[in-house]
N, C-alpha and C. Protein backbone atom coordinates (compact mmCIF):
# COMPACT_ATOMS: atom_id res chain seq x y z
N MET A 1 10.35 5.29 102.60
CA MET A 1 11.45 6.13 102.16
C MET A 1 12.04 6.85 103.37
N ARG A 2 13.31 7.12 103.27
CA ARG A 2 14.02 7.76 104.38
C ARG A 2 14.59 9.09 103.93
N ASN A 3 14.90 9.92 104.90
CA ASN A 3 15.48 11.24 104.63
C ASN A 3 17.00 11.13 104.60
N TYR A 4 17.60 11.78 103.61
CA TYR A 4 19.05 11.77 103.46
C TYR A 4 19.57 13.18 103.19
N GLU A 5 20.81 13.37 103.57
CA GLU A 5 21.54 14.61 103.26
C GLU A 5 22.71 14.21 102.37
N VAL A 6 22.78 14.78 101.18
CA VAL A 6 23.87 14.50 100.24
C VAL A 6 24.78 15.73 100.25
N GLY A 7 25.96 15.58 100.83
CA GLY A 7 26.93 16.68 100.88
C GLY A 7 27.93 16.56 99.74
N LEU A 8 28.14 17.66 99.03
CA LEU A 8 29.04 17.67 97.89
C LEU A 8 30.11 18.73 98.05
N ILE A 9 31.33 18.39 97.70
CA ILE A 9 32.40 19.38 97.56
C ILE A 9 32.79 19.36 96.09
N VAL A 10 32.57 20.47 95.42
CA VAL A 10 32.78 20.59 93.98
C VAL A 10 34.07 21.39 93.74
N HIS A 11 34.72 21.12 92.62
CA HIS A 11 35.96 21.81 92.24
C HIS A 11 35.76 23.32 92.33
N PRO A 12 36.69 24.06 92.94
CA PRO A 12 36.49 25.50 93.19
C PRO A 12 36.44 26.36 91.93
N GLU A 13 36.95 25.90 90.80
CA GLU A 13 36.94 26.70 89.59
C GLU A 13 35.67 26.48 88.76
N THR A 14 34.72 25.75 89.32
CA THR A 14 33.44 25.53 88.64
C THR A 14 32.61 26.80 88.71
N ASN A 15 32.12 27.27 87.56
CA ASN A 15 31.31 28.49 87.58
C ASN A 15 29.88 28.17 88.00
N GLN A 16 29.10 29.20 88.27
CA GLN A 16 27.75 29.04 88.81
C GLN A 16 26.83 28.28 87.86
N GLU A 17 26.97 28.51 86.58
CA GLU A 17 26.11 27.83 85.59
C GLU A 17 26.34 26.32 85.60
N VAL A 18 27.60 25.91 85.63
CA VAL A 18 27.95 24.49 85.64
C VAL A 18 27.53 23.87 86.97
N LEU A 19 27.67 24.61 88.06
CA LEU A 19 27.24 24.12 89.36
C LEU A 19 25.73 23.88 89.38
N ASN A 20 24.97 24.80 88.81
CA ASN A 20 23.52 24.63 88.74
C ASN A 20 23.13 23.42 87.90
N GLU A 21 23.85 23.20 86.80
CA GLU A 21 23.60 22.02 85.97
C GLU A 21 23.92 20.74 86.73
N LEU A 22 25.01 20.75 87.48
CA LEU A 22 25.40 19.59 88.27
C LEU A 22 24.34 19.28 89.34
N LEU A 23 23.87 20.30 90.03
CA LEU A 23 22.85 20.09 91.05
C LEU A 23 21.53 19.62 90.43
N ALA A 24 21.20 20.12 89.23
CA ALA A 24 20.00 19.66 88.53
C ALA A 24 20.15 18.19 88.16
N LYS A 25 21.36 17.79 87.79
CA LYS A 25 21.62 16.39 87.44
C LYS A 25 21.45 15.50 88.67
N VAL A 26 21.98 15.94 89.82
CA VAL A 26 21.85 15.17 91.07
C VAL A 26 20.38 15.06 91.47
N LYS A 27 19.66 16.17 91.38
CA LYS A 27 18.22 16.14 91.70
C LYS A 27 17.47 15.22 90.74
N GLY A 28 17.88 15.20 89.48
CA GLY A 28 17.27 14.32 88.49
C GLY A 28 17.49 12.85 88.82
N TRP A 29 18.71 12.50 89.24
CA TRP A 29 18.99 11.12 89.62
C TRP A 29 18.11 10.69 90.78
N ILE A 30 17.89 11.59 91.73
CA ILE A 30 17.06 11.26 92.90
C ILE A 30 15.60 11.09 92.49
N THR A 31 15.07 12.02 91.70
CA THR A 31 13.66 11.95 91.33
C THR A 31 13.37 10.81 90.36
N GLU A 32 14.32 10.47 89.48
CA GLU A 32 14.13 9.34 88.57
C GLU A 32 14.00 8.03 89.33
N ALA A 33 14.64 7.94 90.47
CA ALA A 33 14.62 6.72 91.26
C ALA A 33 13.42 6.67 92.22
N GLY A 34 12.55 7.66 92.13
CA GLY A 34 11.35 7.65 92.98
C GLY A 34 11.46 8.49 94.23
N GLY A 35 12.51 9.26 94.37
CA GLY A 35 12.69 10.11 95.54
C GLY A 35 12.19 11.52 95.29
N SER A 36 12.31 12.35 96.30
CA SER A 36 11.93 13.75 96.17
C SER A 36 12.95 14.62 96.89
N VAL A 37 13.25 15.77 96.30
CA VAL A 37 14.23 16.69 96.87
C VAL A 37 13.48 17.73 97.71
N ALA A 38 13.86 17.86 98.98
CA ALA A 38 13.22 18.83 99.87
C ALA A 38 13.82 20.22 99.67
N LYS A 39 15.16 20.31 99.70
CA LYS A 39 15.81 21.61 99.49
C LYS A 39 17.27 21.42 99.14
N VAL A 40 17.84 22.47 98.58
CA VAL A 40 19.26 22.51 98.24
C VAL A 40 19.87 23.70 98.97
N ASP A 41 20.96 23.45 99.68
CA ASP A 41 21.61 24.49 100.47
C ASP A 41 23.02 24.71 99.91
N LEU A 42 23.27 25.89 99.34
CA LEU A 42 24.59 26.22 98.80
C LEU A 42 25.37 27.04 99.82
N TRP A 43 26.54 26.56 100.17
CA TRP A 43 27.39 27.28 101.11
C TRP A 43 28.41 28.15 100.39
N GLY A 44 28.68 27.86 99.15
CA GLY A 44 29.67 28.64 98.41
C GLY A 44 31.07 28.09 98.60
N LYS A 45 32.06 28.93 98.28
CA LYS A 45 33.46 28.51 98.35
C LYS A 45 33.96 28.58 99.79
N ARG A 46 34.55 27.48 100.25
CA ARG A 46 35.10 27.39 101.60
C ARG A 46 36.50 26.77 101.53
N ARG A 47 37.28 27.07 102.54
CA ARG A 47 38.62 26.49 102.68
C ARG A 47 38.47 25.10 103.28
N MET A 48 39.15 24.11 102.69
CA MET A 48 39.09 22.74 103.20
C MET A 48 40.20 22.52 104.22
N ALA A 49 40.02 21.54 105.07
CA ALA A 49 40.99 21.24 106.11
C ALA A 49 42.29 20.68 105.53
N TYR A 50 42.19 19.99 104.40
CA TYR A 50 43.36 19.43 103.74
C TYR A 50 43.11 19.43 102.23
N ALA A 51 44.18 19.35 101.48
CA ALA A 51 44.07 19.42 100.02
C ALA A 51 43.48 18.12 99.46
N ILE A 52 42.58 18.27 98.51
CA ILE A 52 42.01 17.14 97.78
C ILE A 52 42.29 17.40 96.31
N ARG A 53 42.99 16.48 95.66
CA ARG A 53 43.39 16.64 94.26
C ARG A 53 44.09 17.97 94.02
N LYS A 54 44.97 18.34 94.94
CA LYS A 54 45.77 19.57 94.89
C LYS A 54 44.94 20.85 94.97
N GLN A 55 43.72 20.76 95.50
CA GLN A 55 42.85 21.92 95.67
C GLN A 55 42.69 22.18 97.17
N HIS A 56 42.81 23.44 97.56
CA HIS A 56 42.67 23.80 98.97
C HIS A 56 41.30 24.41 99.28
N ASP A 57 40.55 24.78 98.24
CA ASP A 57 39.20 25.33 98.40
C ASP A 57 38.22 24.42 97.68
N GLY A 58 36.95 24.56 98.03
CA GLY A 58 35.91 23.80 97.35
C GLY A 58 34.57 24.49 97.48
N LEU A 59 33.69 24.23 96.54
CA LEU A 59 32.32 24.74 96.59
C LEU A 59 31.47 23.71 97.30
N TYR A 60 30.84 24.12 98.40
CA TYR A 60 30.05 23.21 99.20
C TYR A 60 28.57 23.34 98.85
N ALA A 61 27.91 22.20 98.69
CA ALA A 61 26.47 22.17 98.42
C ALA A 61 25.88 20.97 99.14
N PHE A 62 24.67 21.14 99.66
CA PHE A 62 23.97 20.07 100.37
C PHE A 62 22.58 19.90 99.77
N VAL A 63 22.23 18.67 99.46
CA VAL A 63 20.92 18.35 98.91
C VAL A 63 20.19 17.50 99.95
N TYR A 64 19.05 17.98 100.41
CA TYR A 64 18.23 17.25 101.38
C TYR A 64 17.11 16.57 100.61
N ALA A 65 17.03 15.24 100.72
CA ALA A 65 16.08 14.50 99.91
C ALA A 65 15.49 13.33 100.68
N GLU A 66 14.36 12.88 100.19
CA GLU A 66 13.71 11.68 100.69
C GLU A 66 13.75 10.67 99.55
N MET A 67 14.37 9.51 99.80
CA MET A 67 14.50 8.52 98.73
C MET A 67 14.58 7.12 99.30
N PRO A 68 14.29 6.12 98.47
CA PRO A 68 14.40 4.73 98.91
C PRO A 68 15.86 4.36 99.17
N THR A 69 16.07 3.41 100.05
CA THR A 69 17.42 2.99 100.41
C THR A 69 18.15 2.37 99.21
N ALA A 70 17.43 1.72 98.32
CA ALA A 70 18.05 1.06 97.17
C ALA A 70 18.71 2.05 96.21
N VAL A 71 18.34 3.31 96.28
CA VAL A 71 18.88 4.33 95.37
C VAL A 71 20.31 4.72 95.75
N ILE A 72 20.69 4.52 96.98
CA ILE A 72 21.97 5.02 97.49
C ILE A 72 23.15 4.50 96.67
N SER A 73 23.19 3.22 96.37
CA SER A 73 24.34 2.67 95.64
C SER A 73 24.43 3.26 94.23
N THR A 74 23.31 3.44 93.57
CA THR A 74 23.31 4.04 92.24
C THR A 74 23.75 5.50 92.29
N LEU A 75 23.24 6.23 93.29
CA LEU A 75 23.61 7.63 93.44
C LEU A 75 25.10 7.77 93.74
N GLU A 76 25.64 6.91 94.61
CA GLU A 76 27.07 6.94 94.91
C GLU A 76 27.91 6.69 93.66
N ARG A 77 27.50 5.74 92.84
CA ARG A 77 28.24 5.45 91.61
C ARG A 77 28.23 6.66 90.68
N ASN A 78 27.07 7.28 90.51
CA ASN A 78 26.98 8.45 89.63
C ASN A 78 27.81 9.62 90.15
N LEU A 79 27.80 9.83 91.46
CA LEU A 79 28.60 10.92 92.05
C LEU A 79 30.09 10.64 91.91
N ARG A 80 30.48 9.39 92.09
CA ARG A 80 31.89 9.02 91.99
C ARG A 80 32.42 9.23 90.57
N LEU A 81 31.57 9.03 89.56
CA LEU A 81 31.99 9.16 88.17
C LEU A 81 31.96 10.59 87.65
N THR A 82 31.41 11.51 88.43
CA THR A 82 31.36 12.92 88.03
C THR A 82 32.68 13.58 88.42
N GLU A 83 33.44 14.03 87.43
CA GLU A 83 34.80 14.52 87.66
C GLU A 83 34.87 15.80 88.48
N SER A 84 33.90 16.67 88.36
CA SER A 84 33.98 17.96 89.06
C SER A 84 33.68 17.83 90.56
N ILE A 85 33.18 16.69 91.01
CA ILE A 85 32.92 16.48 92.43
C ILE A 85 34.19 15.92 93.07
N LEU A 86 34.73 16.69 94.03
CA LEU A 86 35.95 16.25 94.71
C LEU A 86 35.65 15.21 95.78
N ARG A 87 34.61 15.46 96.58
CA ARG A 87 34.18 14.54 97.64
C ARG A 87 32.68 14.61 97.78
N PHE A 88 32.09 13.54 98.30
CA PHE A 88 30.67 13.55 98.60
C PHE A 88 30.42 12.65 99.80
N ALA A 89 29.31 12.88 100.47
CA ALA A 89 28.89 12.03 101.58
C ALA A 89 27.37 11.98 101.57
N ILE A 90 26.84 10.79 101.77
CA ILE A 90 25.39 10.60 101.86
C ILE A 90 25.10 10.11 103.27
N VAL A 91 24.33 10.90 104.01
CA VAL A 91 24.07 10.61 105.41
C VAL A 91 22.57 10.55 105.64
N ARG A 92 22.13 9.52 106.35
CA ARG A 92 20.71 9.41 106.69
C ARG A 92 20.41 10.36 107.85
N THR A 93 19.34 11.13 107.72
CA THR A 93 18.95 12.08 108.76
C THR A 93 17.66 11.64 109.42
N GLU A 94 17.41 12.15 110.59
CA GLU A 94 16.17 11.86 111.31
C GLU A 94 15.06 12.78 110.83
N GLY A 95 13.86 12.28 110.82
CA GLY A 95 12.73 13.15 110.51
C GLY A 95 12.08 12.91 109.27
């Protein structure tokens, strides 16, 4: 298994309760596939460099996890189908 960083930009009008549910869902997808979540880092609302779906702000969250490489395509599909996520990136990290 390898270490990954999953970066999420969530719609800025998402309240804290819905954001927590979304992060629990992402952690669930990772653990169901045999991975483990090391930590979740919430940055809060930040200004984006350019507008995405007519939004200039976004809620930033990062999930650090260890998971098999085969999980990435499934995780990407699930993230892409979640409407409140404006953008995401999955990056392999060292360590």
